[in-house]
Amino acid sequence: MEMLVMGLCFTFVGLAITALAFAAATRPQGPPLKAQPEQPVIKPAPARFFSEGIIPSIPVPIQVPIEVLLKQIEDHVRLEQAAAESFVAFPNQALLHSKTTSPFVN
């Protein structure tokens, strides 16, 4: 019976030490948030880089008809399909790394 009581005492002491260590580890270490000084307001930089007299011009977007864009995309797809078919028919490394004639190349 004495050994059981001694075991319980050791268990409670260990639990108390563990709880104290956990409380110390989770406590905030820095000063409270209210003690920090407020950040100064930063004014935005002027829009011009070197001169105040030059006003940058905004380019006007070009309006292209949708039919022209669809035609360019169809031509590109046809070129890519022809390149794939020629590689499948006669696979070699030269065809694999050849340049395309499509205008949509980066």
PDB file of N, CA and C in Angstrom:
ATOM      1  N   MET A   1       0.808  -1.181   0.000  1.00  0.00           N
ATOM      2  CA  MET A   1       0.000   0.000   0.000  1.00  0.00           C
ATOM      3  C   MET A   1       0.860   1.257   0.000  1.00  0.00           C
ATOM      4  N   GLU A   2       1.978   1.192   0.764  1.00  0.00           N
ATOM      5  CA  GLU A   2       2.865   2.340   0.823  1.00  0.00           C
ATOM      6  C   GLU A   2       3.492   2.627  -0.545  1.00  0.00           C
ATOM      7  N   MET A   3       3.782   1.593  -1.302  1.00  0.00           N
ATOM      8  CA  MET A   3       4.377   1.779  -2.625  1.00  0.00           C
ATOM      9  C   MET A   3       3.378   2.429  -3.586  1.00  0.00           C
ATOM     10  N   LEU A   4       2.106   2.102  -3.442  1.00  0.00           N
ATOM     11  CA  LEU A   4       1.079   2.708  -4.295  1.00  0.00           C
ATOM     12  C   LEU A   4       0.937   4.197  -3.992  1.00  0.00           C
ATOM     13  N   VAL A   5       0.935   4.557  -2.727  1.00  0.00           N
ATOM     14  CA  VAL A   5       0.837   5.963  -2.334  1.00  0.00           C
ATOM     15  C   VAL A   5       2.067   6.721  -2.803  1.00  0.00           C
ATOM     16  N   MET A   6       3.241   6.127  -2.674  1.00  0.00           N
ATOM     17  CA  MET A   6       4.465   6.766  -3.128  1.00  0.00           C
ATOM     18  C   MET A   6       4.456   6.938  -4.644  1.00  0.00           C
ATOM     19  N   GLY A   7       3.954   5.982  -5.380  1.00  0.00           N
ATOM     20  CA  GLY A   7       3.842   6.090  -6.840  1.00  0.00           C
ATOM     21  C   GLY A   7       2.884   7.203  -7.255  1.00  0.00           C
ATOM     22  N   LEU A   8       1.747   7.309  -6.527  1.00  0.00           N
ATOM     23  CA  LEU A   8       0.804   8.394  -6.814  1.00  0.00           C
ATOM     24  C   LEU A   8       1.417   9.757  -6.532  1.00  0.00           C
ATOM     25  N   CYS A   9       2.184   9.863  -5.454  1.00  0.00           N
ATOM     26  CA  CYS A   9       2.845  11.138  -5.124  1.00  0.00           C
ATOM     27  C   CYS A   9       3.829  11.529  -6.216  1.00  0.00           C
ATOM     28  N   PHE A  10       4.644  10.582  -6.674  1.00  0.00           N
ATOM     29  CA  PHE A  10       5.587  10.862  -7.762  1.00  0.00           C
ATOM     30  C   PHE A  10       4.848  11.264  -9.039  1.00  0.00           C
ATOM     31  N   THR A  11       3.725  10.642  -9.301  1.00  0.00           N
ATOM     32  CA  THR A  11       2.939  10.967 -10.493  1.00  0.00           C
ATOM     33  C   THR A  11       2.403  12.388 -10.411  1.00  0.00           C
ATOM     34  N   PHE A  12       1.866  12.779  -9.249  1.00  0.00           N
ATOM     35  CA  PHE A  12       1.328  14.133  -9.085  1.00  0.00           C
ATOM     36  C   PHE A  12       2.421  15.191  -9.142  1.00  0.00           C
ATOM     37  N   VAL A  13       3.589  14.885  -8.563  1.00  0.00           N
ATOM     38  CA  VAL A  13       4.714  15.836  -8.636  1.00  0.00           C
ATOM     39  C   VAL A  13       5.173  15.996 -10.082  1.00  0.00           C
ATOM     40  N   GLY A  14       5.275  14.919 -10.805  1.00  0.00           N
ATOM     41  CA  GLY A  14       5.671  14.994 -12.215  1.00  0.00           C
ATOM     42  C   GLY A  14       4.653  15.743 -13.058  1.00  0.00           C
ATOM     43  N   LEU A  15       3.373  15.515 -12.779  1.00  0.00           N
ATOM     44  CA  LEU A  15       2.315  16.225 -13.493  1.00  0.00           C
ATOM     45  C   LEU A  15       2.365  17.721 -13.199  1.00  0.00           C
ATOM     46  N   ALA A  16       2.650  18.090 -11.944  1.00  0.00           N
ATOM     47  CA  ALA A  16       2.736  19.507 -11.580  1.00  0.00           C
ATOM     48  C   ALA A  16       3.924  20.174 -12.272  1.00  0.00           C
ATOM     49  N   ILE A  17       5.063  19.508 -12.309  1.00  0.00           N
ATOM     50  CA  ILE A  17       6.241  20.061 -12.984  1.00  0.00           C
ATOM     51  C   ILE A  17       5.973  20.224 -14.478  1.00  0.00           C
ATOM     52  N   THR A  18       5.315  19.254 -15.074  1.00  0.00           N
ATOM     53  CA  THR A  18       4.988  19.328 -16.501  1.00  0.00           C
ATOM     54  C   THR A  18       4.027  20.476 -16.787  1.00  0.00           C
ATOM     55  N   ALA A  19       3.038  20.671 -15.916  1.00  0.00           N
ATOM     56  CA  ALA A  19       2.079  21.768 -16.103  1.00  0.00           C
ATOM     57  C   ALA A  19       2.775  23.119 -15.969  1.00  0.00           C
ATOM     58  N   LEU A  20       3.684  23.268 -15.010  1.00  0.00           N
ATOM     59  CA  LEU A  20       4.436  24.515 -14.869  1.00  0.00           C
ATOM     60  C   LEU A  20       5.316  24.784 -16.087  1.00  0.00           C
ATOM     61  N   ALA A  21       5.972  23.770 -16.588  1.00  0.00           N
ATOM     62  CA  ALA A  21       6.827  23.944 -17.771  1.00  0.00           C
ATOM     63  C   ALA A  21       5.992  24.317 -18.992  1.00  0.00           C
ATOM     64  N   PHE A  22       4.822  23.718 -19.138  1.00  0.00           N
ATOM     65  CA  PHE A  22       3.947  24.044 -20.274  1.00  0.00           C
ATOM     66  C   PHE A  22       3.438  25.475 -20.171  1.00  0.00           C
ATOM     67  N   ALA A  23       3.077  25.908 -18.962  1.00  0.00           N
ATOM     68  CA  ALA A  23       2.592  27.271 -18.764  1.00  0.00           C
ATOM     69  C   ALA A  23       3.694  28.279 -19.058  1.00  0.00           C
ATOM     70  N   ALA A  24       4.920  27.972 -18.665  1.00  0.00           N
ATOM     71  CA  ALA A  24       6.030  28.883 -18.931  1.00  0.00           C
ATOM     72  C   ALA A  24       6.352  28.940 -20.425  1.00  0.00           C
ATOM     73  N   ALA A  25       6.199  27.847 -21.126  1.00  0.00           N
ATOM     74  CA  ALA A  25       6.519  27.816 -22.554  1.00  0.00           C
ATOM     75  C   ALA A  25       5.470  28.524 -23.395  1.00  0.00           C
ATOM     76  N   THR A  26       4.231  28.531 -22.963  1.00  0.00           N
ATOM     77  CA  THR A  26       3.172  29.145 -23.762  1.00  0.00           C
ATOM     78  C   THR A  26       2.887  30.585 -23.369  1.00  0.00           C
ATOM     79  N   ARG A  27       3.541  31.118 -22.383  1.00  0.00           N
ATOM     80  CA  ARG A  27       3.322  32.501 -21.964  1.00  0.00           C
ATOM     81  C   ARG A  27       3.985  33.436 -22.980  1.00  0.00           C
ATOM     82  N   PRO A  28       3.332  34.544 -23.388  1.00  0.00           N
ATOM     83  CA  PRO A  28       3.963  35.477 -24.334  1.00  0.00           C
ATOM     84  C   PRO A  28       5.161  36.161 -23.682  1.00  0.00           C
ATOM     85  N   GLN A  29       6.241  36.326 -24.439  1.00  0.00           N
ATOM     86  CA  GLN A  29       7.468  36.873 -23.901  1.00  0.00           C
ATOM     87  C   GLN A  29       7.614  38.366 -24.156  1.00  0.00           C
ATOM     88  N   GLY A  30       7.021  38.893 -25.242  1.00  0.00           N
ATOM     89  CA  GLY A  30       7.198  40.290 -25.611  1.00  0.00           C
ATOM     90  C   GLY A  30       6.284  41.208 -24.830  1.00  0.00           C
ATOM     91  N   PRO A  31       6.452  42.525 -25.063  1.00  0.00           N
ATOM     92  CA  PRO A  31       5.566  43.489 -24.410  1.00  0.00           C
ATOM     93  C   PRO A  31       4.169  43.385 -25.002  1.00  0.00           C
ATOM     94  N   PRO A  32       3.163  43.871 -24.302  1.00  0.00           N
ATOM     95  CA  PRO A  32       1.803  43.804 -24.840  1.00  0.00           C
ATOM     96  C   PRO A  32       1.698  44.610 -26.134  1.00  0.00           C
ATOM     97  N   LEU A  33       0.691  44.292 -26.945  1.00  0.00           N
ATOM     98  CA  LEU A  33       0.530  44.930 -28.246  1.00  0.00           C
ATOM     99  C   LEU A  33       0.254  46.421 -28.137  1.00  0.00           C
ATOM    100  N   LYS A  34      -0.370  46.889 -27.057  1.00  0.00           N
ATOM    101  CA  LYS A  34      -0.699  48.306 -26.913  1.00  0.00           C
ATOM    102  C   LYS A  34       0.541  49.149 -26.668  1.00  0.00           C
ATOM    103  N   ALA A  35       1.628  48.564 -26.187  1.00  0.00           N
ATOM    104  CA  ALA A  35       2.829  49.309 -25.874  1.00  0.00           C
ATOM    105  C   ALA A  35       3.642  49.648 -27.125  1.00  0.00           C
ATOM    106  N   GLN A  36       3.366  49.019 -28.261  1.00  0.00           N
ATOM    107  CA  GLN A  36       4.120  49.285 -29.474  1.00  0.00           C
ATOM    108  C   GLN A  36       3.714  50.630 -30.058  1.00  0.00           C
ATOM    109  N   PRO A  37       4.678  51.417 -30.546  1.00  0.00           N
ATOM    110  CA  PRO A  37       4.331  52.716 -31.133  1.00  0.00           C
ATOM    111  C   PRO A  37       3.622  52.524 -32.482  1.00  0.00           C
ATOM    112  N   GLU A  38       2.800  53.514 -32.817  1.00  0.00           N
ATOM    113  CA  GLU A  38       2.085  53.435 -34.083  1.00  0.00           C
ATOM    114  C   GLU A  38       3.046  53.702 -35.234  1.00  0.00           C
ATOM    115  N   GLN A  39       2.790  53.069 -36.383  1.00  0.00           N
ATOM    116  CA  GLN A  39       3.623  53.252 -37.558  1.00  0.00           C
ATOM    117  C   GLN A  39       3.300  54.593 -38.210  1.00  0.00           C
ATOM    118  N   PRO A  40       4.320  55.330 -38.652  1.00  0.00           N
ATOM    119  CA  PRO A  40       4.041  56.605 -39.323  1.00  0.00           C
ATOM    120  C   PRO A  40       3.402  56.354 -40.687  1.00  0.00           C
ATOM    121  N   VAL A  41       2.576  57.311 -41.098  1.00  0.00           N
ATOM    122  CA  VAL A  41       1.899  57.202 -42.389  1.00  0.00           C
ATOM    123  C   VAL A  41       2.905  57.540 -43.489  1.00  0.00           C
ATOM    124  N   ILE A  42       3.030  56.646 -44.461  1.00  0.00           N
ATOM    125  CA  ILE A  42       3.972  56.838 -45.554  1.00  0.00           C
ATOM    126  C   ILE A  42       3.214  57.412 -46.742  1.00  0.00           C
ATOM    127  N   LYS A  43       3.714  58.524 -47.276  1.00  0.00           N
ATOM    128  CA  LYS A  43       3.073  59.143 -48.425  1.00  0.00           C
ATOM    129  C   LYS A  43       3.494  58.404 -49.693  1.00  0.00           C
ATOM    130  N   PRO A  44       2.565  58.227 -50.643  1.00  0.00           N
ATOM    131  CA  PRO A  44       2.937  57.539 -51.886  1.00  0.00           C
ATOM    132  C   PRO A  44       3.888  58.397 -52.710  1.00  0.00           C
ATOM    133  N   ALA A  45       4.746  57.740 -53.468  1.00  0.00           N
ATOM    134  CA  ALA A  45       5.715  58.421 -54.322  1.00  0.00           C
ATOM    135  C   ALA A  45       4.997  59.088 -55.484  1.00  0.00           C
ATOM    136  N   PRO A  46       5.580  60.138 -56.030  1.00  0.00           N
ATOM    137  CA  PRO A  46       4.946  60.767 -57.191  1.00  0.00           C
ATOM    138  C   PRO A  46       4.903  59.818 -58.375  1.00  0.00           C
ATOM    139  N   ALA A  47       3.957  60.073 -59.268  1.00  0.00           N
ATOM    140  CA  ALA A  47       3.736  59.164 -60.394  1.00  0.00           C
ATOM    141  C   ALA A  47       4.837  59.256 -61.440  1.00  0.00           C
ATOM    142  N   ARG A  48       5.560  60.361 -61.496  1.00  0.00           N
ATOM    143  CA  ARG A  48       6.594  60.527 -62.519  1.00  0.00           C
ATOM    144  C   ARG A  48       7.956  60.192 -61.930  1.00  0.00           C
ATOM    145  N   PHE A  49       8.850  59.685 -62.773  1.00  0.00           N
ATOM    146  CA  PHE A  49      10.131  59.213 -62.274  1.00  0.00           C
ATOM    147  C   PHE A  49      11.170  60.330 -62.225  1.00  0.00           C
ATOM    148  N   PHE A  50      11.464  60.986 -63.375  1.00  0.00           N
ATOM    149  CA  PHE A  50      12.485  62.017 -63.397  1.00  0.00           C
ATOM    150  C   PHE A  50      11.915  63.430 -63.465  1.00  0.00           C
ATOM    151  N   SER A  51      10.836  63.613 -64.170  1.00  0.00           N
ATOM    152  CA  SER A  51      10.355  64.958 -64.431  1.00  0.00           C
ATOM    153  C   SER A  51       8.885  65.073 -64.101  1.00  0.00           C
ATOM    154  N   GLU A  52       8.494  66.246 -63.616  1.00  0.00           N
ATOM    155  CA  GLU A  52       7.090  66.499 -63.345  1.00  0.00           C
ATOM    156  C   GLU A  52       6.344  66.939 -64.600  1.00  0.00           C
ATOM    157  N   GLY A  53       7.076  67.440 -65.619  1.00  0.00           N
ATOM    158  CA  GLY A  53       6.432  67.996 -66.803  1.00  0.00           C
ATOM    159  C   GLY A  53       5.995  66.967 -67.820  1.00  0.00           C
ATOM    160  N   ILE A  54       6.524  65.763 -67.777  1.00  0.00           N
ATOM    161  CA  ILE A  54       6.208  64.737 -68.773  1.00  0.00           C
ATOM    162  C   ILE A  54       5.054  63.889 -68.264  1.00  0.00           C
ATOM    163  N   ILE A  55       4.012  63.806 -69.055  1.00  0.00           N
ATOM    164  CA  ILE A  55       2.851  62.998 -68.698  1.00  0.00           C
ATOM    165  C   ILE A  55       2.913  61.708 -69.511  1.00  0.00           C
ATOM    166  N   PRO A  56       2.943  60.559 -68.867  1.00  0.00           N
ATOM    167  CA  PRO A  56       3.023  59.307 -69.635  1.00  0.00           C
ATOM    168  C   PRO A  56       1.738  59.069 -70.421  1.00  0.00           C
ATOM    169  N   SER A  57       1.915  58.579 -71.617  1.00  0.00           N
ATOM    170  CA  SER A  57       0.744  58.292 -72.446  1.00  0.00           C
ATOM    171  C   SER A  57       0.359  56.823 -72.295  1.00  0.00           C
ATOM    172  N   ILE A  58      -0.914  56.578 -72.223  1.00  0.00           N
ATOM    173  CA  ILE A  58      -1.432  55.222 -72.099  1.00  0.00           C
ATOM    174  C   ILE A  58      -1.792  54.744 -73.497  1.00  0.00           C
ATOM    175  N   PRO A  59      -1.212  53.619 -73.944  1.00  0.00           N
ATOM    176  CA  PRO A  59      -1.519  53.153 -75.291  1.00  0.00           C
ATOM    177  C   PRO A  59      -2.975  52.711 -75.399  1.00  0.00           C
ATOM    178  N   VAL A  60      -3.570  53.029 -76.525  1.00  0.00           N
ATOM    179  CA  VAL A  60      -4.956  52.656 -76.782  1.00  0.00           C
ATOM    180  C   VAL A  60      -4.969  51.217 -77.291  1.00  0.00           C
ATOM    181  N   PRO A  61      -5.773  50.345 -76.702  1.00  0.00           N
ATOM    182  CA  PRO A  61      -5.809  48.962 -77.183  1.00  0.00           C
ATOM    183  C   PRO A  61      -6.360  48.898 -78.607  1.00  0.00           C
ATOM    184  N   ILE A  62      -5.755  48.031 -79.401  1.00  0.00           N
ATOM    185  CA  ILE A  62      -6.159  47.868 -80.799  1.00  0.00           C
ATOM    186  C   ILE A  62      -7.341  46.912 -80.849  1.00  0.00           C
ATOM    187  N   GLN A  63      -8.384  47.327 -81.538  1.00  0.00           N
ATOM    188  CA  GLN A  63      -9.567  46.484 -81.691  1.00  0.00           C
ATOM    189  C   GLN A  63      -9.374  45.594 -82.916  1.00  0.00           C
ATOM    190  N   VAL A  64      -9.302  44.298 -82.684  1.00  0.00           N
ATOM    191  CA  VAL A  64      -9.126  43.327 -83.760  1.00  0.00           C
ATOM    192  C   VAL A  64     -10.413  42.509 -83.854  1.00  0.00           C
ATOM    193  N   PRO A  65     -10.926  42.337 -85.066  1.00  0.00           N
ATOM    194  CA  PRO A  65     -12.143  41.523 -85.197  1.00  0.00           C
ATOM    195  C   PRO A  65     -11.909  40.085 -84.733  1.00  0.00           C
ATOM    196  N   ILE A  66     -12.941  39.492 -84.185  1.00  0.00           N
ATOM    197  CA  ILE A  66     -12.835  38.132 -83.646  1.00  0.00           C
ATOM    198  C   ILE A  66     -12.541  37.114 -84.741  1.00  0.00           C
ATOM    199  N   GLU A  67     -12.999  37.383 -85.969  1.00  0.00           N
ATOM    200  CA  GLU A  67     -12.751  36.446 -87.070  1.00  0.00           C
ATOM    201  C   GLU A  67     -11.263  36.349 -87.374  1.00  0.00           C
ATOM    202  N   VAL A  68     -10.564  37.471 -87.297  1.00  0.00           N
ATOM    203  CA  VAL A  68      -9.116  37.463 -87.566  1.00  0.00           C
ATOM    204  C   VAL A  68      -8.403  36.636 -86.498  1.00  0.00           C
ATOM    205  N   LEU A  69      -8.773  36.805 -85.245  1.00  0.00           N
ATOM    206  CA  LEU A  69      -8.148  36.029 -84.173  1.00  0.00           C
ATOM    207  C   LEU A  69      -8.429  34.537 -84.324  1.00  0.00           C
ATOM    208  N   LEU A  70      -9.669  34.188 -84.658  1.00  0.00           N
ATOM    209  CA  LEU A  70     -10.002  32.769 -84.849  1.00  0.00           C
ATOM    210  C   LEU A  70      -9.225  32.176 -86.014  1.00  0.00           C
ATOM    211  N   LYS A  71      -9.032  32.943 -87.077  1.00  0.00           N
ATOM    212  CA  LYS A  71      -8.270  32.457 -88.240  1.00  0.00           C
ATOM    213  C   LYS A  71      -6.815  32.207 -87.844  1.00  0.00           C
ATOM    214  N   GLN A  72      -6.218  33.117 -87.055  1.00  0.00           N
ATOM    215  CA  GLN A  72      -4.839  32.921 -86.610  1.00  0.00           C
ATOM    216  C   GLN A  72      -4.708  31.693 -85.726  1.00  0.00           C
ATOM    217  N   ILE A  73      -5.672  31.482 -84.853  1.00  0.00           N
ATOM    218  CA  ILE A  73      -5.619  30.308 -83.982  1.00  0.00           C
ATOM    219  C   ILE A  73      -5.772  29.027 -84.792  1.00  0.00           C
ATOM    220  N   GLU A  74      -6.680  29.003 -85.761  1.00  0.00           N
ATOM    221  CA  GLU A  74      -6.856  27.826 -86.613  1.00  0.00           C
ATOM    222  C   GLU A  74      -5.589  27.525 -87.397  1.00  0.00           C
ATOM    223  N   ASP A  75      -4.941  28.563 -87.949  1.00  0.00           N
ATOM    224  CA  ASP A  75      -3.691  28.348 -88.682  1.00  0.00           C
ATOM    225  C   ASP A  75      -2.612  27.776 -87.763  1.00  0.00           C
ATOM    226  N   HIS A  76      -2.542  28.283 -86.543  1.00  0.00           N
ATOM    227  CA  HIS A  76      -1.554  27.779 -85.597  1.00  0.00           C
ATOM    228  C   HIS A  76      -1.811  26.303 -85.264  1.00  0.00           C
ATOM    229  N   VAL A  77      -3.075  25.956 -85.040  1.00  0.00           N
ATOM    230  CA  VAL A  77      -3.417  24.567 -84.721  1.00  0.00           C
ATOM    231  C   VAL A  77      -3.091  23.660 -85.904  1.00  0.00           C
ATOM    232  N   ARG A  78      -3.373  24.104 -87.121  1.00  0.00           N
ATOM    233  CA  ARG A  78      -3.047  23.293 -88.300  1.00  0.00           C
ATOM    234  C   ARG A  78      -1.545  23.072 -88.421  1.00  0.00           C
ATOM    235  N   LEU A  79      -0.742  24.116 -88.195  1.00  0.00           N
ATOM    236  CA  LEU A  79       0.710  23.963 -88.257  1.00  0.00           C
ATOM    237  C   LEU A  79       1.212  22.986 -87.204  1.00  0.00           C
ATOM    238  N   GLU A  80       0.684  23.087 -85.993  1.00  0.00           N
ATOM    239  CA  GLU A  80       1.117  22.175 -84.932  1.00  0.00           C
ATOM    240  C   GLU A  80       0.689  20.740 -85.217  1.00  0.00           C
ATOM    241  N   GLN A  81      -0.507  20.540 -85.748  1.00  0.00           N
ATOM    242  CA  GLN A  81      -0.953  19.191 -86.098  1.00  0.00           C
ATOM    243  C   GLN A  81      -0.102  18.616 -87.217  1.00  0.00           C
ATOM    244  N   ALA A  82       0.250  19.425 -88.212  1.00  0.00           N
ATOM    245  CA  ALA A  82       1.104  18.938 -89.303  1.00  0.00           C
ATOM    246  C   ALA A  82       2.482  18.569 -88.774  1.00  0.00           C
ATOM    247  N   ALA A  83       3.027  19.359 -87.855  1.00  0.00           N
ATOM    248  CA  ALA A  83       4.331  19.034 -87.273  1.00  0.00           C
ATOM    249  C   ALA A  83       4.260  17.739 -86.476  1.00  0.00           C
ATOM    250  N   ALA A  84       3.174  17.537 -85.731  1.00  0.00           N
ATOM    251  CA  ALA A  84       3.022  16.302 -84.949  1.00  0.00           C
ATOM    252  C   ALA A  84       2.873  15.091 -85.860  1.00  0.00           C
ATOM    253  N   GLU A  85       2.103  15.232 -86.951  1.00  0.00           N
ATOM    254  CA  GLU A  85       1.923  14.112 -87.883  1.00  0.00           C
ATOM    255  C   GLU A  85       3.224  13.760 -88.579  1.00  0.00           C
ATOM    256  N   SER A  86       4.025  14.773 -88.952  1.00  0.00           N
ATOM    257  CA  SER A  86       5.302  14.469 -89.607  1.00  0.00           C
ATOM    258  C   SER A  86       6.262  13.799 -88.630  1.00  0.00           C
ATOM    259  N   PHE A  87       6.209  14.157 -87.351  1.00  0.00           N
ATOM    260  CA  PHE A  87       7.073  13.502 -86.371  1.00  0.00           C
ATOM    261  C   PHE A  87       6.622  12.071 -86.118  1.00  0.00           C
ATOM    262  N   VAL A  88       5.305  11.840 -86.087  1.00  0.00           N
ATOM    263  CA  VAL A  88       4.804  10.480 -85.865  1.00  0.00           C
ATOM    264  C   VAL A  88       5.148   9.592 -87.047  1.00  0.00           C
ATOM    265  N   ALA A  89       5.077  10.159 -88.261  1.00  0.00           N
ATOM    266  CA  ALA A  89       5.370   9.362 -89.460  1.00  0.00           C
ATOM    267  C   ALA A  89       6.852   9.007 -89.525  1.00  0.00           C
ATOM    268  N   PHE A  90       7.729   9.969 -89.270  1.00  0.00           N
ATOM    269  CA  PHE A  90       9.177   9.739 -89.344  1.00  0.00           C
ATOM    270  C   PHE A  90       9.845  10.356 -88.116  1.00  0.00           C
ATOM    271  N   PRO A  91       9.821   9.654 -86.985  1.00  0.00           N
ATOM    272  CA  PRO A  91      10.380  10.246 -85.764  1.00  0.00           C
ATOM    273  C   PRO A  91      11.907  10.297 -85.799  1.00  0.00           C
ATOM    274  N   ASN A  92      12.461  11.457 -85.569  1.00  0.00           N
ATOM    275  CA  ASN A  92      13.897  11.618 -85.378  1.00  0.00           C
ATOM    276  C   ASN A  92      14.125  12.851 -84.512  1.00  0.00           C
ATOM    277  N   GLN A  93      15.344  13.005 -84.049  1.00  0.00           N
ATOM    278  CA  GLN A  93      15.642  14.089 -83.117  1.00  0.00           C
ATOM    279  C   GLN A  93      15.622  15.446 -83.801  1.00  0.00           C
ATOM    280  N   ALA A  94      15.947  15.506 -85.093  1.00  0.00           N
ATOM    281  CA  ALA A  94      15.945  16.784 -85.807  1.00  0.00           C
ATOM    282  C   ALA A  94      14.525  17.356 -85.888  1.00  0.00           C
ATOM    283  N   LEU A  95      13.534  16.504 -86.151  1.00  0.00           N
ATOM    284  CA  LEU A  95      12.155  16.990 -86.200  1.00  0.00           C
ATOM    285  C   LEU A  95      11.639  17.366 -84.814  1.00  0.00           C
ATOM    286  N   LEU A  96      12.131  16.691 -83.816  1.00  0.00           N
ATOM    287  CA  LEU A  96      11.675  16.966 -82.459  1.00  0.00           C
ATOM    288  C   LEU A  96      12.109  18.349 -81.986  1.00  0.00           C
ATOM    289  N   HIS A  97      13.297  18.776 -82.389  1.00  0.00           N
ATOM    290  CA  HIS A  97      13.838  20.054 -81.941  1.00  0.00           C
ATOM    291  C   HIS A  97      13.829  21.117 -83.030  1.00  0.00           C
ATOM    292  N   SER A  98      13.043  20.946 -84.076  1.00  0.00           N
ATOM    293  CA  SER A  98      13.010  21.931 -85.152  1.00  0.00           C
ATOM    294  C   SER A  98      12.142  23.124 -84.754  1.00  0.00           C
ATOM    295  N   LYS A  99      12.444  24.277 -85.351  1.00  0.00           N
ATOM    296  CA  LYS A  99      11.684  25.500 -85.074  1.00  0.00           C
ATOM    297  C   LYS A  99      10.343  25.429 -85.812  1.00  0.00           C
ATOM    298  N   THR A 100       9.331  26.065 -85.250  1.00  0.00           N
ATOM    299  CA  THR A 100       8.019  26.108 -85.873  1.00  0.00           C
ATOM    300  C   THR A 100       7.892  27.389 -86.694  1.00  0.00           C
ATOM    301  N   THR A 101       6.995  27.364 -87.671  1.00  0.00           N
ATOM    302  CA  THR A 101       6.750  28.547 -88.502  1.00  0.00           C
ATOM    303  C   THR A 101       5.549  29.337 -88.005  1.00  0.00           C
ATOM    304  N   SER A 102       5.004  28.978 -86.880  1.00  0.00           N
ATOM    305  CA  SER A 102       3.843  29.650 -86.330  1.00  0.00           C
ATOM    306  C   SER A 102       4.234  31.019 -85.777  1.00  0.00           C
ATOM    307  N   PRO A 103       3.410  32.043 -85.962  1.00  0.00           N
ATOM    308  CA  PRO A 103       3.738  33.354 -85.387  1.00  0.00           C
ATOM    309  C   PRO A 103       3.512  33.442 -83.885  1.00  0.00           C
ATOM    310  N   PHE A 104       2.947  32.400 -83.254  1.00  0.00           N
ATOM    311  CA  PHE A 104       2.678  32.408 -81.820  1.00  0.00           C
ATOM    312  C   PHE A 104       3.825  31.836 -81.007  1.00  0.00           C
ATOM    313  N   VAL A 105       5.048  31.966 -81.498  1.00  0.00           N
ATOM    314  CA  VAL A 105       6.214  31.445 -80.791  1.00  0.00           C
ATOM    315  C   VAL A 105       6.708  32.509 -79.819  1.00  0.00           C
ATOM    316  N   ASN A 106       7.066  32.113 -78.619  1.00  0.00           N
ATOM    317  CA  ASN A 106       7.562  33.079 -77.623  1.00  0.00           C
ATOM    318  C   ASN A 106       8.949  33.525 -77.990  1.00  0.00           C
TER     319      ASN A 106
END
